[in-house]
Protein backbone atom coordinates (compact mmCIF):
# COMPACT_ATOMS: atom_id res chain seq x y z
CA MET A 1 0.00 0.00 0.00
CA VAL A 2 1.40 3.39 -0.96
CA SER A 3 0.64 6.14 1.48
CA ALA A 4 -0.28 9.68 0.49
CA TYR A 5 3.08 10.80 1.85
CA ASN A 6 4.95 8.71 -0.72
CA ARG A 7 3.02 10.26 -3.59
CA THR A 8 4.24 13.76 -2.86
CA ASN A 9 6.79 15.41 -5.11
CA SER A 10 9.15 16.10 -2.21
CA SER A 11 10.24 12.53 -1.57
CA ASP A 12 13.55 13.76 -0.17
CA LEU A 13 11.71 14.59 3.05
CA LEU A 14 12.17 10.95 4.05
CA ASN A 15 15.97 11.24 3.81
CA ASN A 16 16.36 12.76 7.25
CA SER A 17 19.65 13.43 9.04
CA ASN A 18 19.55 10.13 10.96
CA PHE A 19 19.39 8.22 7.71
CA GLN A 20 22.12 10.31 6.07
CA PHE A 21 24.32 9.76 9.12
CA LEU A 22 23.65 6.02 8.99
CA ALA A 23 24.24 5.76 5.25
CA VAL A 24 27.34 7.88 4.74
CA TRP A 25 28.86 9.73 7.67
CA ILE A 26 29.13 6.73 9.98
CA ASN A 27 31.86 5.17 7.84
CA ILE A 28 33.92 8.34 7.82
CA ILE A 29 33.54 8.76 11.58
CA TYR A 30 34.63 5.15 12.09
CA ILE A 31 37.95 5.89 10.42
CA ALA A 32 38.49 8.88 12.69
CA LEU A 33 37.67 6.71 15.70
CA MET A 34 40.14 4.06 14.55
CA VAL A 35 42.89 6.68 14.46
CA VAL A 36 41.98 8.53 17.67
CA ALA A 37 40.65 5.77 19.94
CA PRO A 38 41.21 2.34 18.36
CA MET A 39 40.41 0.46 21.55
CA TYR A 40 36.90 1.92 21.88
CA SER A 41 36.10 2.51 18.23
CA ALA A 42 34.02 -0.65 17.75
CA ILE A 43 31.86 0.10 20.79
CA ILE A 44 31.31 3.74 19.86
CA PHE A 45 30.63 2.77 16.24
CA SER A 46 28.06 0.17 17.29
CA VAL A 47 26.23 2.55 19.62
CA MET A 48 26.09 5.28 16.96
CA THR A 49 24.78 2.94 14.23
CA VAL A 50 22.13 1.37 16.46
CA TRP A 51 21.00 4.82 17.63
CA SER A 52 20.73 6.11 14.05
CA PHE A 53 19.00 2.93 12.89
CA ILE A 54 16.36 3.09 15.63
CA ASN A 55 15.69 6.79 15.06
CA ASP A 56 15.42 6.28 11.31
CA ARG A 57 12.87 3.50 11.76
CA LYS A 58 10.84 5.69 14.16
CA PHE A 59 10.95 8.54 11.64
CA LEU A 60 9.71 6.32 8.80
CA LYS A 61 6.89 4.92 10.93
CA ALA A 62 5.84 8.41 11.97
CA HIS A 63 5.57 9.43 8.31
CA HIS A 64 3.68 6.25 7.32
CA ALA A 65 6.41 5.20 4.92
CA PHE A 66 7.71 1.72 4.17
CA VAL A 67 9.95 0.51 7.01
CA PRO A 68 12.21 -2.47 6.27
CA HIS A 69 12.29 -5.22 8.87
CA TRP A 70 14.60 -4.60 11.84
CA TRP A 71 16.85 -7.56 11.14
CA TRP A 72 18.09 -5.90 7.94
CA TYR A 73 20.25 -3.86 10.32
CA PHE A 74 22.73 -6.75 10.17
CA LEU A 75 22.98 -6.28 6.40
CA LEU A 76 22.96 -2.50 6.29
CA PRO A 77 23.33 -2.15 2.50
CA VAL A 78 20.16 -4.22 2.05
CA TYR A 79 18.33 -2.04 4.58
CA ILE A 80 19.37 1.10 2.72
CA PHE A 81 18.39 -0.39 -0.64
CA LYS A 82 14.98 -1.59 0.57
CA ARG A 83 14.31 1.70 2.35
CA GLN A 84 15.06 3.81 -0.69
CA HIS A 85 13.61 1.51 -3.35
CA ASN A 86 10.30 0.74 -1.62
CA ASN A 87 9.70 4.41 -0.76
CA ASN A 88 10.42 5.49 -4.35
CA LEU A 89 13.33 7.67 -3.25
CA GLY A 90 15.91 6.60 -5.81
CA LEU A 91 19.15 4.86 -5.03
CA LEU A 92 21.47 7.84 -4.59
CA TRP A 93 22.02 7.19 -0.88
CA PHE A 94 22.57 3.50 -1.53
CA TRP A 95 25.41 4.34 -3.92
CA LEU A 96 26.75 7.03 -1.59
CA TYR A 97 26.91 4.37 1.11
CA TRP A 98 29.15 2.22 -1.07
CA VAL A 99 31.34 5.20 -1.98
CA SER A 100 31.79 6.00 1.72
CA VAL A 101 32.68 2.36 2.44
CA LEU A 102 35.30 2.40 -0.32
CA MET A 103 36.66 5.71 0.95
CA ALA A 104 36.90 4.25 4.45
CA VAL A 105 38.78 1.20 3.18
CA PHE A 106 41.22 3.29 1.16
CA VAL A 107 41.84 5.65 4.08
CA MET A 108 42.44 2.69 6.40
CA ILE A 109 44.94 1.25 3.92
CA PHE A 110 46.62 4.62 3.40
CA LEU A 111 46.88 5.32 7.14
CA ASP A 112 47.83 1.69 7.83
CA VAL A 113 45.14 1.42 10.50
CA LYS A 114 45.13 -1.91 12.33
CA LEU A 115 41.73 -3.40 13.11
CA PRO A 116 41.30 -4.47 16.77
């Protein structure tokens, strides 16, 4: 069922800051955490992603949009794809996610960051 919200011309309203943080900025922040605080980076990263994921799901539910199942959190690219595709938002943020992942990998290789 497509809600009236999804039929509006301003579909970018569903790409809120929590989702943008989850899709792109989280990978860049993870690299900074690996450099600054490698011992705690995994914990901080996990807390930030779970927080953004929960808030994004609440936001989608509040706007009566399609909300992918919670267990897609474990396969974040699939969550992003389903979220964008099923809400007719285009796949720009899905591709930006992959670009940020590649940037993170290249930065980790360049900085010779050791994973814990």
